[in-house]
Amino acid sequence: MMSTAVDQTYAYAPRLYPAHLVEFRRLPEGTNIVIRPIHPEDDAIEREFINGLSRDTGYNRLLSARKLTPDEIRHLTRIDYEQVMAFIAVTVDGGQARPLGVGRYVRDADASGAEFAIVVANAWQHKGVGTLLLSTLLRHALSAGVGRLHGITLATNQAVQNLARKLGFVQKHDPQDATVRQIEKTLVAGVSPAAVRGSAGYPAPPPPTTKGSRHAIRFCRQIWSRTGGE
């Protein structure tokens, strides 16, 4: 259960935990799942999820065999829901929440777009979890005034490329690195950073020079940007 002292947990954040974004969904094979914004009390779930990834999936995710430190995991679960947004998919197994996948985006410095990434637990890949997570990210990004979502994945990661193609992303080769592919989707055509900041009544994201934003952008690019699983 989530702490009632959310205002203390998010003393640095511009808003409280967005409980209205919690969704109850069912996978095609019948499993009921919950897709919800990640929460600081998800440290243990996030650690279990990361440690449970196979060597190949972990490499796709980290581009190395190393394990994340506790501080790195805390940075992934403590977000402001504006500059950084992350959703976790869970199901209940034996009374315990079981993590299935995580999707997140981090707004670009000029706020016109956001870098995104998706990773799904090995046992739940190709069951629709990635599709639901990325669809959720797309809907939320659009409602928050994000002009486009973009990311990179390994050229050998067909799962992410197929998922992105299915949801309308454009793919292209990276001119500086033949081992990766760039993927992006325009959500609001012709949106300028100034228009995004003032669109639909949504508040401007905090300046990307804050400590939390710097960490989030770094982890999105170096840790989350090359992930796998549909």
C-alpha atoms as a PDB file:
ATOM      1  CA  MET A   1       0.000   0.000   0.000  1.00  0.00           C
ATOM      2  CA  MET A   2       1.239   3.480  -0.807  1.00  0.00           C
ATOM      3  CA  SER A   3       2.220   5.835   1.975  1.00  0.00           C
ATOM      4  CA  THR A   4      -0.236   8.568   2.963  1.00  0.00           C
ATOM      5  CA  ALA A   5       2.712  10.926   3.440  1.00  0.00           C
ATOM      6  CA  VAL A   6       3.045  11.470  -0.272  1.00  0.00           C
ATOM      7  CA  ASP A   7       3.433  15.214   0.203  1.00  0.00           C
ATOM      8  CA  GLN A   8       6.549  14.581   2.315  1.00  0.00           C
ATOM      9  CA  THR A   9       7.960  12.051  -0.147  1.00  0.00           C
ATOM     10  CA  TYR A  10       7.530  14.526  -2.978  1.00  0.00           C
ATOM     11  CA  ALA A  11       8.634  17.672  -1.183  1.00  0.00           C
ATOM     12  CA  TYR A  12      10.686  18.509  -4.287  1.00  0.00           C
ATOM     13  CA  ALA A  13       7.932  17.700  -6.785  1.00  0.00           C
ATOM     14  CA  PRO A  14       5.390  20.098  -8.322  1.00  0.00           C
ATOM     15  CA  ARG A  15       2.445  17.740  -7.818  1.00  0.00           C
ATOM     16  CA  LEU A  16       1.314  14.780  -5.722  1.00  0.00           C
ATOM     17  CA  TYR A  17       1.085  11.182  -6.847  1.00  0.00           C
ATOM     18  CA  PRO A  18      -1.258  11.095  -9.890  1.00  0.00           C
ATOM     19  CA  ALA A  19      -3.553   8.310  -8.702  1.00  0.00           C
ATOM     20  CA  HIS A  20      -6.111   9.229 -11.377  1.00  0.00           C
ATOM     21  CA  LEU A  21      -3.773   7.696 -13.970  1.00  0.00           C
ATOM     22  CA  VAL A  22      -4.074   4.173 -12.524  1.00  0.00           C
ATOM     23  CA  GLU A  23      -5.568   1.783 -15.112  1.00  0.00           C
ATOM     24  CA  PHE A  24      -6.890  -1.763 -14.779  1.00  0.00           C
ATOM     25  CA  ARG A  25      -6.347  -3.791 -17.950  1.00  0.00           C
ATOM     26  CA  ARG A  26      -6.536  -7.383 -19.174  1.00  0.00           C
ATOM     27  CA  LEU A  27      -3.956  -9.037 -21.394  1.00  0.00           C
ATOM     28  CA  PRO A  28      -5.125 -11.006 -24.453  1.00  0.00           C
ATOM     29  CA  GLU A  29      -4.408 -14.301 -22.635  1.00  0.00           C
ATOM     30  CA  GLY A  30      -6.625 -13.232 -19.735  1.00  0.00           C
ATOM     31  CA  THR A  31      -4.277 -11.960 -17.007  1.00  0.00           C
ATOM     32  CA  ASN A  32      -5.557  -8.893 -15.156  1.00  0.00           C
ATOM     33  CA  ILE A  33      -2.900  -6.233 -14.672  1.00  0.00           C
ATOM     34  CA  VAL A  34      -2.580  -2.728 -13.284  1.00  0.00           C
ATOM     35  CA  ILE A  35      -0.711   0.013 -15.119  1.00  0.00           C
ATOM     36  CA  ARG A  36       0.082   2.916 -12.816  1.00  0.00           C
ATOM     37  CA  PRO A  37       2.605   5.721 -12.332  1.00  0.00           C
ATOM     38  CA  ILE A  38       5.704   4.502 -10.550  1.00  0.00           C
ATOM     39  CA  HIS A  39       6.006   5.397  -6.847  1.00  0.00           C
ATOM     40  CA  PRO A  40       8.961   5.816  -4.439  1.00  0.00           C
ATOM     41  CA  GLU A  41       7.815   2.746  -2.512  1.00  0.00           C
ATOM     42  CA  ASP A  42       8.407   0.693  -5.664  1.00  0.00           C
ATOM     43  CA  ASP A  43      12.136   0.405  -4.910  1.00  0.00           C
ATOM     44  CA  ALA A  44      11.828  -3.289  -3.966  1.00  0.00           C
ATOM     45  CA  ILE A  45       9.608  -4.088  -6.962  1.00  0.00           C
ATOM     46  CA  GLU A  46      11.954  -2.245  -9.314  1.00  0.00           C
ATOM     47  CA  ARG A  47      14.962  -4.099  -7.898  1.00  0.00           C
ATOM     48  CA  GLU A  48      13.175  -7.445  -8.266  1.00  0.00           C
ATOM     49  CA  PHE A  49      12.233  -6.552 -11.831  1.00  0.00           C
ATOM     50  CA  ILE A  50      15.765  -5.530 -12.858  1.00  0.00           C
ATOM     51  CA  ASN A  51      17.414  -8.495 -11.167  1.00  0.00           C
ATOM     52  CA  GLY A  52      14.981 -10.857 -12.891  1.00  0.00           C
ATOM     53  CA  LEU A  53      15.889  -9.766 -16.423  1.00  0.00           C
ATOM     54  CA  SER A  54      17.794 -12.289 -18.505  1.00  0.00           C
ATOM     55  CA  ARG A  55      21.367 -11.565 -19.515  1.00  0.00           C
ATOM     56  CA  ASP A  56      20.299 -10.630 -23.047  1.00  0.00           C
ATOM     57  CA  THR A  57      17.432  -8.406 -21.923  1.00  0.00           C
ATOM     58  CA  GLY A  58      19.653  -6.794 -19.306  1.00  0.00           C
ATOM     59  CA  TYR A  59      22.289  -6.092 -21.945  1.00  0.00           C
ATOM     60  CA  ASN A  60      19.693  -4.587 -24.281  1.00  0.00           C
ATOM     61  CA  ARG A  61      18.677  -2.384 -21.392  1.00  0.00           C
ATOM     62  CA  LEU A  62      22.070  -1.381 -19.974  1.00  0.00           C
ATOM     63  CA  LEU A  63      24.493  -2.148 -22.827  1.00  0.00           C
ATOM     64  CA  SER A  64      26.596  -3.848 -20.162  1.00  0.00           C
ATOM     65  CA  ALA A  65      26.388  -6.720 -17.700  1.00  0.00           C
ATOM     66  CA  ARG A  66      26.541  -4.503 -14.643  1.00  0.00           C
ATOM     67  CA  LYS A  67      23.834  -4.250 -11.981  1.00  0.00           C
ATOM     68  CA  LEU A  68      22.187  -0.998 -10.968  1.00  0.00           C
ATOM     69  CA  THR A  69      23.134   0.420  -7.591  1.00  0.00           C
ATOM     70  CA  PRO A  70      20.512   1.212  -4.924  1.00  0.00           C
ATOM     71  CA  ASP A  71      20.985   4.928  -5.637  1.00  0.00           C
ATOM     72  CA  GLU A  72      20.317   4.381  -9.335  1.00  0.00           C
ATOM     73  CA  ILE A  73      17.139   2.453  -8.556  1.00  0.00           C
ATOM     74  CA  ARG A  74      15.974   5.232  -6.234  1.00  0.00           C
ATOM     75  CA  HIS A  75      16.429   7.743  -9.055  1.00  0.00           C
ATOM     76  CA  LEU A  76      14.214   5.580 -11.261  1.00  0.00           C
ATOM     77  CA  THR A  77      11.363   5.474  -8.729  1.00  0.00           C
ATOM     78  CA  ARG A  78      11.515   9.075  -7.489  1.00  0.00           C
ATOM     79  CA  ILE A  79      10.208  11.196 -10.329  1.00  0.00           C
ATOM     80  CA  ASP A  80       8.287  14.459 -10.577  1.00  0.00           C
ATOM     81  CA  TYR A  81       5.589  13.267 -13.061  1.00  0.00           C
ATOM     82  CA  GLU A  82       6.221  16.316 -15.244  1.00  0.00           C
ATOM     83  CA  GLN A  83       9.792  16.385 -16.509  1.00  0.00           C
ATOM     84  CA  VAL A  84       9.905  12.618 -16.044  1.00  0.00           C
ATOM     85  CA  MET A  85       6.974  10.191 -16.316  1.00  0.00           C
ATOM     86  CA  ALA A  86       7.102   6.440 -15.720  1.00  0.00           C
ATOM     87  CA  PHE A  87       4.443   3.735 -15.670  1.00  0.00           C
ATOM     88  CA  ILE A  88       4.862   0.266 -14.188  1.00  0.00           C
ATOM     89  CA  ALA A  89       2.728  -2.747 -15.104  1.00  0.00           C
ATOM     90  CA  VAL A  90       2.050  -5.187 -12.264  1.00  0.00           C
ATOM     91  CA  THR A  91      -0.108  -8.193 -11.545  1.00  0.00           C
ATOM     92  CA  VAL A  92      -0.914  -9.854  -8.220  1.00  0.00           C
ATOM     93  CA  ASP A  93       0.534 -13.305  -7.590  1.00  0.00           C
ATOM     94  CA  GLY A  94      -0.037 -14.934  -4.217  1.00  0.00           C
ATOM     95  CA  GLY A  95      -0.975 -11.624  -2.683  1.00  0.00           C
ATOM     96  CA  GLN A  96       2.242  -9.979  -3.859  1.00  0.00           C
ATOM     97  CA  ALA A  97       2.637  -7.391  -6.621  1.00  0.00           C
ATOM     98  CA  ARG A  98       4.640  -8.873  -9.487  1.00  0.00           C
ATOM     99  CA  PRO A  99       6.327  -6.410 -11.893  1.00  0.00           C
ATOM    100  CA  LEU A 100       5.802  -7.103 -15.595  1.00  0.00           C
ATOM    101  CA  GLY A 101       7.304  -4.065 -17.299  1.00  0.00           C
ATOM    102  CA  VAL A 102       8.154  -0.382 -17.088  1.00  0.00           C
ATOM    103  CA  GLY A 103       7.837   2.453 -19.589  1.00  0.00           C
ATOM    104  CA  ARG A 104       9.081   5.995 -19.124  1.00  0.00           C
ATOM    105  CA  TYR A 105       9.842   9.229 -20.866  1.00  0.00           C
ATOM    106  CA  VAL A 106      12.040  12.204 -20.042  1.00  0.00           C
ATOM    107  CA  ARG A 107      11.318  15.590 -21.593  1.00  0.00           C
ATOM    108  CA  ASP A 108      13.955  17.141 -23.803  1.00  0.00           C
ATOM    109  CA  ALA A 109      15.741  20.248 -22.572  1.00  0.00           C
ATOM    110  CA  ASP A 110      13.559  22.500 -24.755  1.00  0.00           C
ATOM    111  CA  ALA A 111      10.369  20.628 -23.668  1.00  0.00           C
ATOM    112  CA  SER A 112       9.226  20.089 -27.267  1.00  0.00           C
ATOM    113  CA  GLY A 113       9.674  16.324 -27.153  1.00  0.00           C
ATOM    114  CA  ALA A 114      10.662  13.480 -24.869  1.00  0.00           C
ATOM    115  CA  GLU A 115      12.947  10.466 -24.945  1.00  0.00           C
ATOM    116  CA  PHE A 116      11.180   7.219 -24.083  1.00  0.00           C
ATOM    117  CA  ALA A 117      12.008   3.599 -23.303  1.00  0.00           C
ATOM    118  CA  ILE A 118      10.145   0.365 -22.576  1.00  0.00           C
ATOM    119  CA  VAL A 119      11.367  -2.846 -20.920  1.00  0.00           C
ATOM    120  CA  VAL A 120       9.300  -5.971 -20.257  1.00  0.00           C
ATOM    121  CA  ALA A 121      10.157  -8.948 -18.036  1.00  0.00           C
ATOM    122  CA  ASN A 122      11.262 -11.958 -20.061  1.00  0.00           C
ATOM    123  CA  ALA A 123       8.355 -14.171 -19.016  1.00  0.00           C
ATOM    124  CA  TRP A 124       5.868 -11.502 -20.133  1.00  0.00           C
ATOM    125  CA  GLN A 125       7.313 -10.524 -23.481  1.00  0.00           C
ATOM    126  CA  HIS A 126       5.104 -10.978 -26.571  1.00  0.00           C
ATOM    127  CA  LYS A 127       1.952 -11.016 -24.423  1.00  0.00           C
ATOM    128  CA  GLY A 128       0.845  -7.428 -24.981  1.00  0.00           C
ATOM    129  CA  VAL A 129       2.479  -5.777 -21.954  1.00  0.00           C
ATOM    130  CA  GLY A 130       4.790  -3.621 -24.066  1.00  0.00           C
ATOM    131  CA  THR A 131       1.927  -2.561 -26.313  1.00  0.00           C
ATOM    132  CA  LEU A 132      -0.144  -1.435 -23.318  1.00  0.00           C
ATOM    133  CA  LEU A 133       2.785   0.404 -21.714  1.00  0.00           C
ATOM    134  CA  LEU A 134       3.772   2.260 -24.859  1.00  0.00           C
ATOM    135  CA  SER A 135       0.135   3.095 -25.638  1.00  0.00           C
ATOM    136  CA  THR A 136      -0.183   4.505 -22.118  1.00  0.00           C
ATOM    137  CA  LEU A 137       2.971   6.587 -22.585  1.00  0.00           C
ATOM    138  CA  LEU A 138       1.662   7.912 -25.902  1.00  0.00           C
ATOM    139  CA  ARG A 139      -1.699   8.946 -24.440  1.00  0.00           C
ATOM    140  CA  HIS A 140      -0.114  10.626 -21.441  1.00  0.00           C
ATOM    141  CA  ALA A 141       2.547  12.406 -23.489  1.00  0.00           C
ATOM    142  CA  LEU A 142      -0.109  13.768 -25.842  1.00  0.00           C
ATOM    143  CA  SER A 143      -2.256  14.994 -22.954  1.00  0.00           C
ATOM    144  CA  ALA A 144       0.811  16.640 -21.374  1.00  0.00           C
ATOM    145  CA  GLY A 145       1.621  18.552 -24.553  1.00  0.00           C
ATOM    146  CA  VAL A 146       4.679  16.553 -25.606  1.00  0.00           C
ATOM    147  CA  GLY A 147       5.259  17.223 -29.299  1.00  0.00           C
ATOM    148  CA  ARG A 148       7.028  13.955 -30.123  1.00  0.00           C
ATOM    149  CA  LEU A 149       8.416  10.804 -28.533  1.00  0.00           C
ATOM    150  CA  HIS A 150      11.789   9.503 -29.644  1.00  0.00           C
ATOM    151  CA  GLY A 151      14.257   6.847 -28.604  1.00  0.00           C
ATOM    152  CA  ILE A 152      16.970   4.460 -29.719  1.00  0.00           C
ATOM    153  CA  THR A 153      17.227   0.679 -29.683  1.00  0.00           C
ATOM    154  CA  LEU A 154      19.801  -1.864 -30.733  1.00  0.00           C
ATOM    155  CA  ALA A 155      19.601  -2.783 -34.408  1.00  0.00           C
ATOM    156  CA  THR A 156      19.240  -6.418 -33.341  1.00  0.00           C
ATOM    157  CA  ASN A 157      16.306  -5.685 -31.023  1.00  0.00           C
ATOM    158  CA  GLN A 158      13.466  -6.681 -33.331  1.00  0.00           C
ATOM    159  CA  ALA A 159      10.894  -6.793 -30.513  1.00  0.00           C
ATOM    160  CA  VAL A 160      11.108  -3.051 -29.848  1.00  0.00           C
ATOM    161  CA  GLN A 161      11.290  -2.221 -33.538  1.00  0.00           C
ATOM    162  CA  ASN A 162       8.160  -4.280 -34.280  1.00  0.00           C
ATOM    163  CA  LEU A 163       6.312  -2.716 -31.350  1.00  0.00           C
ATOM    164  CA  ALA A 164       7.262   0.806 -32.415  1.00  0.00           C
ATOM    165  CA  ARG A 165       6.238   0.129 -36.017  1.00  0.00           C
ATOM    166  CA  LYS A 166       2.862  -1.232 -34.893  1.00  0.00           C
ATOM    167  CA  LEU A 167       2.146   1.959 -32.956  1.00  0.00           C
ATOM    168  CA  GLY A 168       3.107   4.289 -35.777  1.00  0.00           C
ATOM    169  CA  PHE A 169       6.721   5.179 -35.007  1.00  0.00           C
ATOM    170  CA  VAL A 170       9.100   6.038 -37.823  1.00  0.00           C
ATOM    171  CA  GLN A 171      12.441   4.222 -37.790  1.00  0.00           C
ATOM    172  CA  LYS A 172      15.748   5.245 -39.308  1.00  0.00           C
ATOM    173  CA  HIS A 173      19.421   4.375 -39.155  1.00  0.00           C
ATOM    174  CA  ASP A 174      21.680   6.290 -36.825  1.00  0.00           C
ATOM    175  CA  PRO A 175      24.305   7.968 -39.054  1.00  0.00           C
ATOM    176  CA  GLN A 176      26.856   7.842 -36.240  1.00  0.00           C
ATOM    177  CA  ASP A 177      26.239   4.308 -34.961  1.00  0.00           C
ATOM    178  CA  ALA A 178      25.271   1.386 -37.200  1.00  0.00           C
ATOM    179  CA  THR A 179      24.467  -0.792 -34.173  1.00  0.00           C
ATOM    180  CA  VAL A 180      21.375   1.216 -33.197  1.00  0.00           C
ATOM    181  CA  ARG A 181      18.130   2.435 -34.731  1.00  0.00           C
ATOM    182  CA  GLN A 182      16.393   5.742 -34.049  1.00  0.00           C
ATOM    183  CA  ILE A 183      12.619   5.617 -33.572  1.00  0.00           C
ATOM    184  CA  GLU A 184      10.234   8.539 -33.195  1.00  0.00           C
ATOM    185  CA  LYS A 185       6.617   9.570 -33.487  1.00  0.00           C
ATOM    186  CA  THR A 186       5.185  13.063 -33.862  1.00  0.00           C
ATOM    187  CA  LEU A 187       2.258  13.606 -31.507  1.00  0.00           C
ATOM    188  CA  VAL A 188       1.478  17.286 -32.148  1.00  0.00           C
ATOM    189  CA  ALA A 189       2.767  18.558 -35.481  1.00  0.00           C
ATOM    190  CA  GLY A 190       4.549  21.901 -35.563  1.00  0.00           C
ATOM    191  CA  VAL A 191       4.585  22.425 -31.801  1.00  0.00           C
ATOM    192  CA  SER A 192       7.207  24.862 -30.555  1.00  0.00           C
ATOM    193  CA  PRO A 193       8.715  24.617 -27.057  1.00  0.00           C
ATOM    194  CA  ALA A 194       6.864  27.792 -26.032  1.00  0.00           C
ATOM    195  CA  ALA A 195       3.551  26.404 -27.252  1.00  0.00           C
ATOM    196  CA  VAL A 196       4.113  23.128 -25.436  1.00  0.00           C
ATOM    197  CA  ARG A 197       4.769  24.897 -22.159  1.00  0.00           C
ATOM    198  CA  GLY A 198       1.493  26.759 -22.361  1.00  0.00           C
ATOM    199  CA  SER A 199      -0.707  24.128 -24.009  1.00  0.00           C
ATOM    200  CA  ALA A 200      -3.960  22.797 -22.577  1.00  0.00           C
ATOM    201  CA  GLY A 201      -3.341  24.329 -19.187  1.00  0.00           C
ATOM    202  CA  TYR A 202      -0.508  21.941 -18.350  1.00  0.00           C
ATOM    203  CA  PRO A 203       2.283  23.466 -16.275  1.00  0.00           C
ATOM    204  CA  ALA A 204       5.723  23.875 -17.747  1.00  0.00           C
ATOM    205  CA  PRO A 205       8.165  21.124 -16.734  1.00  0.00           C
ATOM    206  CA  PRO A 206      10.797  22.132 -14.185  1.00  0.00           C
ATOM    207  CA  PRO A 207      14.094  23.415 -15.617  1.00  0.00           C
ATOM    208  CA  PRO A 208      16.253  20.519 -16.794  1.00  0.00           C
ATOM    209  CA  THR A 209      19.187  21.884 -14.837  1.00  0.00           C
ATOM    210  CA  THR A 210      17.751  20.687 -11.502  1.00  0.00           C
ATOM    211  CA  LYS A 211      19.557  17.776  -9.884  1.00  0.00           C
ATOM    212  CA  GLY A 212      16.611  15.407 -10.252  1.00  0.00           C
ATOM    213  CA  SER A 213      16.133  16.206 -13.934  1.00  0.00           C
ATOM    214  CA  ARG A 214      19.819  15.766 -14.706  1.00  0.00           C
ATOM    215  CA  HIS A 215      19.760  12.321 -13.115  1.00  0.00           C
ATOM    216  CA  ALA A 216      16.554  11.344 -14.922  1.00  0.00           C
ATOM    217  CA  ILE A 217      17.831  12.409 -18.328  1.00  0.00           C
ATOM    218  CA  ARG A 218      21.126  10.634 -17.764  1.00  0.00           C
ATOM    219  CA  PHE A 219      19.428   7.393 -16.753  1.00  0.00           C
ATOM    220  CA  CYS A 220      16.957   7.530 -19.624  1.00  0.00           C
ATOM    221  CA  ARG A 221      19.773   7.906 -22.142  1.00  0.00           C
ATOM    222  CA  GLN A 222      22.345   5.584 -20.582  1.00  0.00           C
ATOM    223  CA  ILE A 223      20.159   2.990 -18.848  1.00  0.00           C
ATOM    224  CA  TRP A 224      16.674   2.919 -20.319  1.00  0.00           C
ATOM    225  CA  SER A 225      17.197   3.906 -23.922  1.00  0.00           C
ATOM    226  CA  ARG A 226      17.893   0.469 -25.401  1.00  0.00           C
ATOM    227  CA  THR A 227      15.339  -1.935 -24.012  1.00  0.00           C
ATOM    228  CA  GLY A 228      13.323  -4.873 -25.215  1.00  0.00           C
ATOM    229  CA  GLY A 229      10.068  -6.750 -25.169  1.00  0.00           C
ATOM    230  CA  GLU A 230       6.573  -6.466 -26.518  1.00  0.00           C
END
